[in-house]
Protein backbone atom coordinates (compact mmCIF):
# COMPACT_ATOMS: atom_id res chain seq x y z
CA UNK A 1 21.24 160.26 -108.82
CA UNK A 2 20.87 163.36 -106.65
CA UNK A 3 17.58 162.16 -105.13
CA UNK A 4 19.10 158.78 -104.31
CA UNK A 5 22.12 160.45 -102.72
CA UNK A 6 19.88 162.70 -100.61
CA UNK A 7 17.78 159.69 -99.57
CA UNK A 8 20.92 157.92 -98.33
CA UNK A 9 22.24 160.95 -96.43
CA UNK A 10 18.93 161.77 -94.74
CA UNK A 11 18.28 158.11 -93.86
CA UNK A 12 21.68 157.81 -92.16
CA UNK A 13 20.94 160.97 -90.20
CA UNK A 14 17.55 159.53 -89.24
CA UNK A 15 19.06 156.31 -87.87
CA UNK A 16 21.69 158.17 -85.87
CA UNK A 17 19.01 160.39 -84.31
CA UNK A 18 17.71 157.49 -82.23
CA UNK A 19 21.14 156.96 -80.71
CA UNK A 20 21.17 160.57 -79.51
CA UNK A 21 17.60 160.16 -78.20
CA UNK A 22 18.78 157.20 -76.11
CA UNK A 23 21.90 159.01 -74.88
CA UNK A 24 19.88 162.08 -73.84
CA UNK A 25 17.26 159.82 -72.17
CA UNK A 26 14.41 161.33 -74.17
CA UNK A 27 11.15 159.39 -74.30
CA UNK A 28 11.42 157.88 -77.79
CA UNK A 29 7.70 157.20 -78.22
CA UNK A 30 6.71 160.75 -77.32
CA UNK A 31 9.30 162.16 -79.73
CA UNK A 32 7.96 159.83 -82.43
CA UNK A 33 4.41 161.18 -81.91
CA UNK A 34 5.62 164.79 -82.37
CA UNK A 35 7.67 163.65 -85.35
CA UNK A 36 4.57 162.46 -87.18
CA UNK A 37 2.72 165.74 -86.62
CA UNK A 38 5.61 167.59 -88.27
CA UNK A 39 6.14 165.06 -91.08
CA UNK A 40 2.43 164.98 -91.91
CA UNK A 41 2.10 168.76 -91.88
CA UNK A 42 5.11 169.23 -94.16
CA UNK A 43 3.58 167.09 -96.86
CA UNK A 44 0.18 168.78 -96.85
CA UNK A 45 1.74 172.26 -96.72
CA UNK A 46 4.06 171.67 -99.67
CA UNK A 47 1.93 169.46 -101.90
CA UNK A 48 0.67 170.60 -105.29
CA UNK A 49 -2.01 167.91 -105.12
CA UNK A 50 -5.69 168.61 -104.53
CA UNK A 51 -5.63 166.09 -101.66
CA UNK A 52 -6.16 167.55 -98.17
CA UNK A 53 -6.63 166.00 -94.72
CA UNK A 54 -10.39 166.40 -95.29
CA UNK A 55 -10.69 164.51 -98.58
CA UNK A 56 -7.78 162.08 -98.18
CA UNK A 57 -10.15 159.25 -97.22
CA UNK A 58 -11.80 159.55 -100.66
CA UNK A 59 -8.59 158.59 -102.50
CA UNK A 60 -8.09 155.13 -103.98
CA UNK A 61 -4.86 154.76 -102.02
CA UNK A 62 -6.26 155.75 -98.61
CA UNK A 63 -6.58 152.18 -97.29
CA UNK A 64 -2.94 151.55 -98.25
CA UNK A 65 -1.84 154.72 -96.44
CA UNK A 66 -3.92 153.72 -93.41
CA UNK A 67 -2.23 150.34 -93.14
CA UNK A 68 1.22 151.81 -93.67
CA UNK A 69 0.59 154.39 -90.94
CA UNK A 70 0.10 151.62 -88.38
CA UNK A 71 3.22 149.79 -89.57
CA UNK A 72 5.24 153.03 -89.61
CA UNK A 73 4.71 153.96 -85.99
CA UNK A 74 5.14 150.40 -84.76
CA UNK A 75 8.35 149.79 -86.67
CA UNK A 76 9.78 153.20 -85.76
CA UNK A 77 9.32 152.50 -82.06
CA UNK A 78 11.00 149.09 -82.43
CA UNK A 79 13.90 150.72 -84.34
CA UNK A 80 14.30 153.24 -81.53
CA UNK A 81 14.36 150.46 -78.93
CA UNK A 82 16.77 148.32 -80.96
CA UNK A 83 19.13 151.27 -81.51
CA UNK A 84 19.14 152.08 -77.80
CA UNK A 85 19.64 148.49 -76.60
CA UNK A 86 21.56 146.79 -79.42
CA UNK A 87 23.31 149.64 -81.26
CA UNK A 88 23.01 151.46 -84.57
CA UNK A 89 24.59 148.69 -86.63
CA UNK A 90 22.15 145.97 -85.50
CA UNK A 91 19.08 148.16 -86.06
CA UNK A 92 20.29 149.31 -89.49
CA UNK A 93 21.29 145.82 -90.60
CA UNK A 94 17.85 144.45 -89.69
CA UNK A 95 16.17 147.34 -91.50
CA UNK A 96 18.34 147.13 -94.61
CA UNK A 97 18.16 143.33 -94.88
CA UNK A 98 14.53 143.94 -95.81
CA UNK A 99 15.76 144.92 -99.28
CA UNK A 100 15.42 141.23 -100.18
CA UNK A 101 11.61 141.49 -100.03
CA UNK A 102 10.98 144.35 -102.52
CA UNK A 103 13.68 143.02 -104.86
CA UNK A 104 11.98 139.62 -105.00
CA UNK A 105 8.55 141.18 -105.55
CA UNK A 106 9.84 143.54 -108.26
CA UNK A 107 11.40 140.66 -110.21
CA UNK A 108 8.54 138.17 -109.74
CA UNK A 109 5.55 140.46 -110.25
CA UNK A 110 6.68 143.72 -111.92
CA UNK A 111 8.83 142.30 -114.68
CA UNK A 112 12.12 143.85 -113.54
CA UNK A 113 14.94 142.31 -115.54
CA UNK A 114 17.07 139.44 -114.27
CA UNK A 115 20.69 139.81 -115.38
CA UNK A 116 23.92 138.12 -114.25
CA UNK A 117 25.30 141.30 -112.66
CA UNK A 118 22.03 141.84 -110.78
CA UNK A 119 22.04 138.27 -109.44
CA UNK A 120 25.67 138.61 -108.34
CA UNK A 121 24.98 141.97 -106.71
CA UNK A 122 21.91 140.69 -104.83
CA UNK A 123 23.76 137.60 -103.59
CA UNK A 124 26.67 139.75 -102.40
CA UNK A 125 24.20 142.08 -100.71
CA UNK A 126 22.58 139.26 -98.76
CA UNK A 127 25.98 137.89 -97.70
CA UNK A 128 27.14 141.39 -96.77
CA UNK A 129 24.25 142.18 -94.47
CA UNK A 130 24.60 138.78 -92.79
CA UNK A 131 28.30 139.38 -92.10
CA UNK A 132 27.74 142.92 -90.83
CA UNK A 133 25.02 141.64 -88.47
CA UNK A 134 27.33 138.96 -87.02
CA UNK A 135 28.24 139.66 -83.41
CA UNK A 136 30.84 138.22 -81.06
CA UNK A 137 29.67 135.37 -78.82
CA UNK A 138 29.57 137.49 -75.71
CA UNK A 139 27.39 140.04 -77.53
CA UNK A 140 25.08 137.29 -78.76
CA UNK A 141 24.53 135.98 -75.24
CA UNK A 142 23.59 139.44 -74.06
CA UNK A 143 21.11 139.83 -76.91
CA UNK A 144 19.24 136.50 -76.66
CA UNK A 145 16.06 138.11 -75.39
CA UNK A 146 16.19 140.87 -77.99
CA UNK A 147 16.11 138.70 -81.14
CA UNK A 148 12.55 139.78 -81.89
CA UNK A 149 13.63 143.39 -82.48
CA UNK A 150 15.64 142.67 -85.66
CA UNK A 151 12.97 140.24 -86.93
CA UNK A 152 10.16 142.79 -86.55
CA UNK A 153 12.27 145.54 -88.14
CA UNK A 154 13.12 143.24 -91.06
CA UNK A 155 9.50 142.28 -91.76
CA UNK A 156 8.15 145.82 -91.37
CA UNK A 157 10.89 147.30 -93.56
CA UNK A 158 10.16 144.82 -96.34
CA UNK A 159 6.41 145.45 -96.19
CA UNK A 160 6.90 149.24 -96.25
CA UNK A 161 9.32 149.26 -99.19
CA UNK A 162 7.22 146.79 -101.20
CA UNK A 163 3.94 148.62 -100.55
CA UNK A 164 5.38 152.03 -101.44
CA UNK A 165 6.77 150.57 -104.65
CA UNK A 166 3.31 149.12 -105.44
CA UNK A 167 1.56 152.42 -104.70
CA UNK A 168 4.05 154.35 -106.82
CA UNK A 169 3.47 151.99 -109.75
CA UNK A 170 -0.30 151.53 -109.61
CA UNK A 171 -2.05 154.05 -107.36
CA UNK A 172 -0.25 157.38 -107.31
CA UNK A 173 0.08 160.21 -109.78
CA UNK A 174 3.36 162.12 -109.57
CA UNK A 175 1.69 165.11 -107.85
CA UNK A 176 -0.02 162.96 -105.20
CA UNK A 177 2.96 161.18 -103.66
CA UNK A 178 3.65 163.85 -101.01
CA UNK A 179 -0.03 163.86 -100.00
CA UNK A 180 0.18 160.06 -99.83
CA UNK A 181 3.17 160.35 -97.49
CA UNK A 182 1.41 162.92 -95.33
CA UNK A 183 -1.64 160.69 -95.02
CA UNK A 184 0.61 157.86 -93.83
CA UNK A 185 2.30 160.13 -91.28
CA UNK A 186 -1.03 161.58 -90.11
CA UNK A 187 -2.47 158.09 -89.67
CA UNK A 188 0.61 157.07 -87.68
CA UNK A 189 0.12 160.15 -85.48
CA UNK A 190 -3.56 159.33 -84.78
CA UNK A 191 -2.83 155.75 -83.77
CA UNK A 192 0.17 156.84 -81.72
CA UNK A 193 -1.82 159.58 -80.03
CA UNK A 194 -4.37 157.05 -78.80
CA UNK A 195 -1.58 155.06 -77.18
CA UNK A 196 0.00 158.20 -75.73
CA UNK A 197 -3.30 159.35 -74.18
CA UNK A 198 -3.65 155.93 -72.58
CA UNK A 199 -0.14 156.25 -71.15
CA UNK A 200 -0.74 159.77 -69.82
CA UNK A 201 -4.30 159.36 -68.49
CA UNK A 202 -4.54 155.73 -67.41
CA UNK A 203 -0.93 154.88 -66.58
CA UNK A 204 -0.19 158.40 -65.25
CA UNK A 205 3.06 158.72 -67.19
CA UNK A 206 4.62 162.18 -67.62
CA UNK A 207 5.09 163.97 -70.90
CA UNK A 208 8.66 165.17 -71.50
CA UNK A 209 8.83 168.71 -72.84
CA UNK A 210 12.22 167.97 -74.39
CA UNK A 211 10.47 165.41 -76.61
CA UNK A 212 8.89 168.32 -78.54
CA UNK A 213 12.00 169.93 -80.13
CA UNK A 214 13.49 166.47 -80.62
CA UNK A 215 10.32 165.29 -82.36
CA UNK A 216 10.26 168.38 -84.59
CA UNK A 217 13.78 167.70 -85.78
CA UNK A 218 13.00 164.01 -86.23
CA UNK A 219 9.86 164.84 -88.22
CA UNK A 220 11.73 167.01 -90.72
CA UNK A 221 14.30 164.28 -91.25
CA UNK A 222 11.65 161.56 -91.43
CA UNK A 223 9.71 163.36 -94.13
CA UNK A 224 12.92 163.80 -96.09
CA UNK A 225 13.70 160.06 -96.04
CA UNK A 226 10.43 159.13 -97.72
CA UNK A 227 10.28 162.20 -99.99
CA UNK A 228 13.64 161.52 -101.60
CA UNK A 229 13.23 157.74 -102.02
CA UNK A 230 9.94 158.25 -103.87
CA UNK A 231 11.53 161.00 -105.97
CA UNK A 232 14.30 158.54 -106.83
CA UNK A 233 11.71 155.90 -107.83
CA UNK A 234 9.84 158.42 -109.99
CA UNK A 235 13.05 159.40 -111.80
CA UNK A 236 13.06 155.96 -113.52
CA UNK A 237 16.85 156.13 -113.66
CA UNK A 238 17.14 152.72 -112.01
CA UNK A 239 14.74 149.81 -111.62
CA UNK A 240 13.40 149.23 -108.11
CA UNK A 241 15.34 145.96 -107.85
CA UNK A 242 18.54 147.98 -108.40
CA UNK A 243 17.63 151.18 -106.55
CA UNK A 244 16.65 149.55 -103.25
CA UNK A 245 19.92 147.60 -102.83
CA UNK A 246 22.03 150.69 -103.58
CA UNK A 247 19.99 152.81 -101.17
CA UNK A 248 19.92 150.27 -98.34
CA UNK A 249 23.49 149.05 -98.58
CA UNK A 250 24.84 152.61 -98.73
CA UNK A 251 22.86 153.54 -95.62
CA UNK A 252 24.07 150.40 -93.88
CA UNK A 253 27.72 151.02 -94.72
CA UNK A 254 27.71 154.69 -93.70
CA UNK A 255 25.77 153.98 -90.51
CA UNK A 256 28.22 151.26 -89.54
CA UNK A 257 31.25 153.53 -90.02
CA UNK A 258 29.61 156.28 -87.97
CA UNK A 259 28.70 153.82 -85.21
CA UNK A 260 32.38 152.85 -84.97
CA UNK A 261 33.93 156.31 -85.26
CA UNK A 262 31.42 158.36 -83.24
CA UNK A 263 29.84 155.85 -80.85
CA UNK A 264 32.74 153.36 -80.50
CA UNK A 265 30.71 150.29 -81.44
CA UNK A 266 33.01 147.28 -81.90
CA UNK A 267 33.19 145.43 -85.23
CA UNK A 268 34.71 142.01 -85.90
CA UNK A 269 36.65 140.90 -88.97
CA UNK A 270 33.44 139.41 -90.37
CA UNK A 271 31.72 142.78 -89.97
CA UNK A 272 34.46 144.53 -91.92
CA UNK A 273 34.32 141.85 -94.62
CA UNK A 274 30.58 142.46 -94.87
CA UNK A 275 31.16 146.18 -95.35
CA UNK A 276 33.67 145.47 -98.13
CA UNK A 277 31.21 143.14 -99.89
CA UNK A 278 28.44 145.72 -99.57
CA UNK A 279 30.60 148.28 -101.35
CA UNK A 280 31.31 145.80 -104.16
CA UNK A 281 27.57 145.07 -104.40
CA UNK A 282 26.80 148.79 -104.66
CA UNK A 283 29.26 149.12 -107.55
CA UNK A 284 27.79 146.09 -109.35
CA UNK A 285 24.17 147.14 -108.85
CA UNK A 286 24.64 150.87 -109.39
CA UNK A 287 27.59 151.61 -111.65
CA UNK A 288 27.10 148.82 -114.19
CA UNK A 289 23.41 149.64 -114.95
CA UNK A 290 24.34 153.30 -115.47
CA UNK A 291 27.17 152.36 -117.81
CA UNK A 292 24.80 150.16 -119.83
CA UNK A 293 22.21 152.99 -120.04
CA UNK A 294 24.85 155.39 -121.35
CA UNK A 295 25.89 153.10 -124.21
């Protein structure tokens, strides 16, 4: 469970980082570009795999990493924008609601078991994220034009989680997963760099030097989020249809509390009810399977 716990902690830290980026008025896209240089380098420097940036394109999983790289940088920019404009809770809810997609795929196509406690936990999870995402009417009116942000985050999050689960099951050896991650990050950097050069050369935008240290910090955290979730999947302690809800709902709950305590985001009674249900769902999906395994 240590890898799952680390995944939750690092992911919460990652989501909060974008709030600080917005507060400090740092160019989020430029910081994201630097972030991917760092995240990609970390993987290739620490890997025990034979895969390098030179021969990565020869791997069976390269096309998957290429596609994920494009989705990564696009979704990360949307998350940054949503966090700045709509708050941490909205961005995290949209991202964590995507748990429905990999759960469904794992049960339908990978043979993950369907049990009463799992069905109850998943239903509670869906209700919980809906309640936490509920906003007061005045907030909803202010956010009418921003409804696309949560939708894009939801779809991208589901595609990323499902594809990583597929790659882990069918394409990757245990020693190649960090090289796989680094290839994704490097691909995201290359696509982002093309956009950044267009902004700097054609649109004459300025590069913020303060985006560099921010991006370095973000890159270390970003690599950690993916590293620990794949480690948790490889541990085989929990099925994917159980692990993803625990991971996502825990991140959602912690992020929501931090958004209230640190950033003074307002929550309604429905939001608090959603948090309570998410905790119950975590217990049902996480504690019960472990108790069964120990019998």
